[in-house]
């Protein structure tokens, strides 16, 4: 039997149209879900910043679905970690679409989205995103009763600190480029280490998690929507190196 509050939340969820955008990774995706189901998606991949064609792509997708921005009940965007430029473009675009009508906007961790895409592989998920400095963005998420929740804050760390800080037993390492990390993961954690390569497009995960946060009553105001950079930018690294 469904509790009345849960039934009301489910009925509300079935009526909502959600736009999810991910520009934090090299593979960009724009997804629309309605009633919790994906009804349209655009997948983009380019070495160029997405500023030039993100909004036209959103407009094209909505037109194809016979929708306008005003028909969107909830906006969701990947806040990182990932490309600093991509994150800024995604967040500013979502804010621009949500602000005129005061619509809610959910900021979703890219690591959380990776864990959500891998949720059927196990109950303890360790999403990883490699960086250019032999470091990892890492998260620790639990999949329980359909929900994917963080067990700690996302962070950036070395393979050594990763080994000492995470419960590897019964865990699934997951990510878009996790197979590139497989040699060092198996060398560090053993050849029986469970590794799952999730798909590169996170738009559907971002939209679905945004809807989950809305029904849980999270604060989805624009005032709290912020990048999840985790680490300093390359420009800040150079400044710090000069200072040393």
Protein backbone atom coordinates (compact mmCIF):
# COMPACT_ATOMS: atom_id res chain seq x y z
CA UNK A 1 0.00 0.00 0.00
CA UNK A 2 1.36 3.45 -0.94
CA UNK A 3 1.40 6.01 1.87
CA UNK A 4 -0.83 9.04 1.00
CA UNK A 5 2.16 11.42 0.99
CA UNK A 6 4.10 9.10 -1.31
CA UNK A 7 1.06 8.70 -3.58
CA UNK A 8 0.69 12.47 -3.82
CA UNK A 9 4.40 12.84 -4.65
CA UNK A 10 4.12 10.13 -7.31
CA UNK A 11 1.09 11.80 -8.88
CA UNK A 12 2.95 15.11 -8.92
CA UNK A 13 5.97 13.43 -10.52
CA UNK A 14 3.80 11.93 -13.27
CA UNK A 15 2.64 15.40 -14.31
CA UNK A 16 6.04 17.09 -14.50
CA UNK A 17 8.15 17.82 -17.56
CA UNK A 18 11.87 18.06 -16.82
CA UNK A 19 14.74 19.33 -18.95
CA UNK A 20 18.17 17.92 -18.06
CA UNK A 21 21.44 19.26 -19.48
CA UNK A 22 24.99 17.99 -19.09
CA UNK A 23 27.88 20.01 -20.49
CA UNK A 24 30.40 19.00 -17.82
CA UNK A 25 31.83 16.14 -19.89
CA UNK A 26 33.15 15.91 -23.50
CA UNK A 27 29.89 14.22 -24.52
CA UNK A 28 27.02 16.69 -24.03
CA UNK A 29 23.41 15.61 -23.76
CA UNK A 30 20.05 17.33 -23.47
CA UNK A 31 17.13 15.23 -22.25
CA UNK A 32 13.44 15.80 -21.62
CA UNK A 33 11.56 13.47 -19.30
CA UNK A 34 7.85 13.43 -18.55
CA UNK A 35 6.25 11.29 -15.90
CA UNK A 36 9.72 10.01 -15.07
CA UNK A 37 10.21 8.63 -18.59
CA UNK A 38 12.56 9.95 -21.27
CA UNK A 39 10.56 11.41 -24.18
CA UNK A 40 13.34 13.15 -26.11
CA UNK A 41 17.11 13.48 -26.17
CA UNK A 42 19.91 15.15 -28.14
CA UNK A 43 23.50 13.91 -27.92
CA UNK A 44 26.37 16.19 -28.89
CA UNK A 45 30.12 15.74 -29.06
CA UNK A 46 32.55 18.47 -30.04
CA UNK A 47 36.03 19.69 -29.05
CA UNK A 48 34.62 23.24 -29.17
CA UNK A 49 32.83 24.87 -26.21
CA UNK A 50 29.09 24.33 -26.22
CA UNK A 51 28.22 28.03 -25.80
CA UNK A 52 27.51 28.48 -29.51
CA UNK A 53 24.99 25.69 -29.99
CA UNK A 54 23.66 24.56 -26.60
CA UNK A 55 20.63 26.85 -26.56
CA UNK A 56 19.81 26.30 -30.26
CA UNK A 57 19.98 22.55 -29.59
CA UNK A 58 17.63 22.89 -26.61
CA UNK A 59 15.24 24.91 -28.77
CA UNK A 60 15.37 22.30 -31.54
CA UNK A 61 14.66 19.44 -29.15
CA UNK A 62 11.73 21.25 -27.53
CA UNK A 63 10.27 22.18 -30.93
CA UNK A 64 10.52 18.53 -32.01
CA UNK A 65 8.52 17.58 -28.90
CA UNK A 66 5.99 20.39 -29.50
CA UNK A 67 7.14 22.12 -26.31
CA UNK A 68 8.49 25.53 -25.35
CA UNK A 69 10.68 26.58 -22.42
CA UNK A 70 7.50 27.68 -20.61
CA UNK A 71 6.28 24.07 -20.69
CA UNK A 72 9.24 22.91 -18.61
CA UNK A 73 8.35 22.47 -14.93
CA UNK A 74 11.85 21.73 -13.69
CA UNK A 75 15.32 22.38 -15.05
CA UNK A 76 18.32 20.26 -14.07
CA UNK A 77 21.99 20.69 -14.91
CA UNK A 78 25.23 18.84 -14.21
CA UNK A 79 27.35 21.06 -11.94
CA UNK A 80 30.60 19.09 -12.24
CA UNK A 81 33.23 18.07 -11.64
CA UNK A 82 34.44 18.22 -15.21
CA UNK A 83 35.16 20.91 -17.78
CA UNK A 84 35.19 24.30 -16.06
CA UNK A 85 34.04 26.05 -19.24
CA UNK A 86 31.35 23.45 -19.92
CA UNK A 87 30.04 23.68 -16.35
CA UNK A 88 29.76 27.46 -16.55
CA UNK A 89 27.95 27.27 -19.91
CA UNK A 90 25.49 24.68 -18.64
CA UNK A 91 24.66 26.48 -15.41
CA UNK A 92 24.34 29.94 -16.99
CA UNK A 93 22.09 28.53 -19.74
CA UNK A 94 19.81 26.76 -17.27
CA UNK A 95 19.61 29.86 -15.07
CA UNK A 96 18.70 31.93 -18.10
CA UNK A 97 15.84 29.57 -18.97
CA UNK A 98 14.56 29.06 -15.41
CA UNK A 99 14.75 32.63 -14.10
CA UNK A 100 12.06 34.44 -16.17
CA UNK A 101 9.21 32.29 -14.84
CA UNK A 102 10.79 31.47 -11.47
CA UNK A 103 11.06 27.76 -12.26
CA UNK A 104 13.09 25.44 -9.99
CA UNK A 105 16.57 24.39 -11.12
CA UNK A 106 18.41 21.38 -9.73
CA UNK A 107 22.20 21.19 -9.69
CA UNK A 108 23.37 17.58 -9.98
CA UNK A 109 26.88 16.29 -9.31
CA UNK A 110 28.37 14.64 -12.40
CA UNK A 111 29.69 11.87 -10.14
CA UNK A 112 26.22 11.29 -8.74
CA UNK A 113 24.88 11.08 -12.29
CA UNK A 114 27.53 8.47 -13.15
CA UNK A 115 26.54 6.47 -10.06
CA UNK A 116 22.86 6.69 -11.07
CA UNK A 117 23.64 5.33 -14.54
CA UNK A 118 25.47 2.41 -12.90
CA UNK A 119 22.97 1.77 -10.11
CA UNK A 120 21.81 -1.62 -11.41
CA UNK A 121 25.35 -3.00 -11.08
CA UNK A 122 25.43 -3.00 -7.28
CA UNK A 123 24.60 -1.24 -4.01
CA UNK A 124 27.92 0.51 -3.37
CA UNK A 125 29.14 2.65 -6.26
CA UNK A 126 32.43 4.52 -6.68
CA UNK A 127 32.19 6.84 -9.70
CA UNK A 128 35.52 8.10 -11.02
CA UNK A 129 36.55 10.84 -13.45
CA UNK A 130 40.27 11.03 -14.31
CA UNK A 131 42.01 14.39 -14.48
CA UNK A 132 45.08 15.50 -16.42
CA UNK A 133 47.26 15.45 -13.29
CA UNK A 134 47.12 11.74 -12.40
CA UNK A 135 44.37 12.49 -9.92
CA UNK A 136 40.78 11.31 -9.74
CA UNK A 137 37.50 12.97 -9.02
CA UNK A 138 35.78 10.38 -6.87
CA UNK A 139 32.51 9.82 -5.09
CA UNK A 140 30.96 7.16 -2.89
CA UNK A 141 27.27 6.44 -3.42
CA UNK A 142 24.80 3.90 -2.09
CA UNK A 143 22.01 2.47 -4.22
CA UNK A 144 19.19 1.48 -1.91
CA UNK A 145 15.47 1.05 -2.63
CA UNK A 146 15.78 2.84 -5.94
CA UNK A 147 17.61 5.87 -4.55
CA UNK A 148 21.26 6.79 -5.15
CA UNK A 149 22.57 8.80 -2.21
CA UNK A 150 26.06 10.09 -1.35
CA UNK A 151 27.88 8.54 1.59
CA UNK A 152 30.47 11.34 1.60
CA UNK A 153 31.30 14.51 -0.31
CA UNK A 154 32.78 14.26 -3.80
CA UNK A 155 36.51 14.91 -3.81
CA UNK A 156 39.72 14.84 -5.83
CA UNK A 157 42.43 12.42 -4.71
CA UNK A 158 45.34 10.21 -5.68
CA UNK A 159 45.11 6.48 -6.17
CA UNK A 160 46.81 6.09 -2.77
CA UNK A 161 44.26 8.18 -0.88
CA UNK A 162 41.52 6.50 -2.87
CA UNK A 163 42.78 3.12 -1.66
CA UNK A 164 42.87 4.23 1.97
CA UNK A 165 39.55 6.11 2.05
CA UNK A 166 37.07 3.85 0.27
CA UNK A 167 35.45 0.52 1.13
CA UNK A 168 36.44 -1.49 -1.95
CA UNK A 169 34.82 -4.78 -0.94
CA UNK A 170 31.48 -5.21 -2.71
CA UNK A 171 32.00 -1.87 -4.47
CA UNK A 172 31.67 -1.11 -8.18
CA UNK A 173 34.10 1.35 -9.77
CA UNK A 174 32.20 3.12 -12.53
CA UNK A 175 32.65 5.93 -15.02
CA UNK A 176 32.84 6.89 -18.66
CA UNK A 177 36.60 6.31 -18.93
CA UNK A 178 36.95 3.76 -16.16
CA UNK A 179 38.49 1.20 -18.53
CA UNK A 180 41.47 3.55 -18.96
CA UNK A 181 41.95 3.37 -15.20
CA UNK A 182 41.53 -0.41 -15.07
CA UNK A 183 45.27 -1.27 -14.95
CA UNK A 184 46.00 0.98 -11.98
CA UNK A 185 42.76 0.03 -10.22
CA UNK A 186 43.50 -3.68 -10.53
CA UNK A 187 47.14 -3.17 -9.55
CA UNK A 188 46.03 -1.27 -6.45
CA UNK A 189 42.92 -3.17 -5.44
CA UNK A 190 43.44 -6.61 -7.00
CA UNK A 191 42.41 -8.32 -10.22
CA UNK A 192 38.96 -9.16 -8.83
CA UNK A 193 38.06 -5.46 -8.69
CA UNK A 194 34.59 -4.82 -10.15
CA UNK A 195 34.64 -2.21 -12.93
CA UNK A 196 31.68 -0.96 -14.97
CA UNK A 197 31.86 1.43 -17.92
CA UNK A 198 28.79 3.62 -17.93
CA UNK A 199 27.58 5.38 -21.07
CA UNK A 200 29.01 8.86 -21.73
CA UNK A 201 25.73 10.80 -21.91
CA UNK A 202 24.40 12.01 -18.56
CA UNK A 203 21.39 14.15 -19.54
CA UNK A 204 18.80 11.52 -18.60
CA UNK A 205 20.50 10.86 -15.25
CA UNK A 206 20.66 14.59 -14.52
CA UNK A 207 16.95 15.08 -15.33
CA UNK A 208 15.91 12.01 -13.31
CA UNK A 209 17.95 13.03 -10.28
CA UNK A 210 16.60 16.57 -10.51
CA UNK A 211 13.08 15.16 -10.34
CA UNK A 212 14.10 13.00 -7.38
CA UNK A 213 15.44 16.07 -5.54
CA UNK A 214 12.25 18.01 -6.26
CA UNK A 215 9.99 15.30 -4.84
CA UNK A 216 12.27 15.06 -1.77
CA UNK A 217 11.79 18.77 -1.09
CA UNK A 218 15.36 19.91 -1.77
CA UNK A 219 16.05 23.62 -2.21
CA UNK A 220 16.10 24.10 -5.99
CA UNK A 221 16.22 27.89 -6.04
CA UNK A 222 18.66 29.65 -8.35
CA UNK A 223 20.41 31.13 -5.32
CA UNK A 224 21.87 27.74 -4.40
CA UNK A 225 22.75 26.61 -7.93
CA UNK A 226 26.55 26.63 -8.08
CA UNK A 227 29.44 24.84 -9.84
CA UNK A 228 30.93 21.74 -8.25
CA UNK A 229 34.50 22.36 -9.43
CA UNK A 230 36.15 20.50 -6.50
CA UNK A 231 39.65 21.64 -7.54
CA UNK A 232 41.28 24.94 -8.55
CA UNK A 233 41.19 25.86 -12.23
CA UNK A 234 44.33 25.55 -14.37
CA UNK A 235 44.76 29.33 -14.20
CA UNK A 236 44.66 29.18 -10.39
CA UNK A 237 47.17 26.30 -10.41
CA UNK A 238 49.58 28.39 -12.47
CA UNK A 239 49.13 31.35 -10.12
CA UNK A 240 49.80 29.15 -7.09
CA UNK A 241 52.86 27.59 -8.77
CA UNK A 242 54.27 31.08 -9.49
CA UNK A 243 53.62 32.05 -5.91
CA UNK A 244 55.69 29.14 -4.70
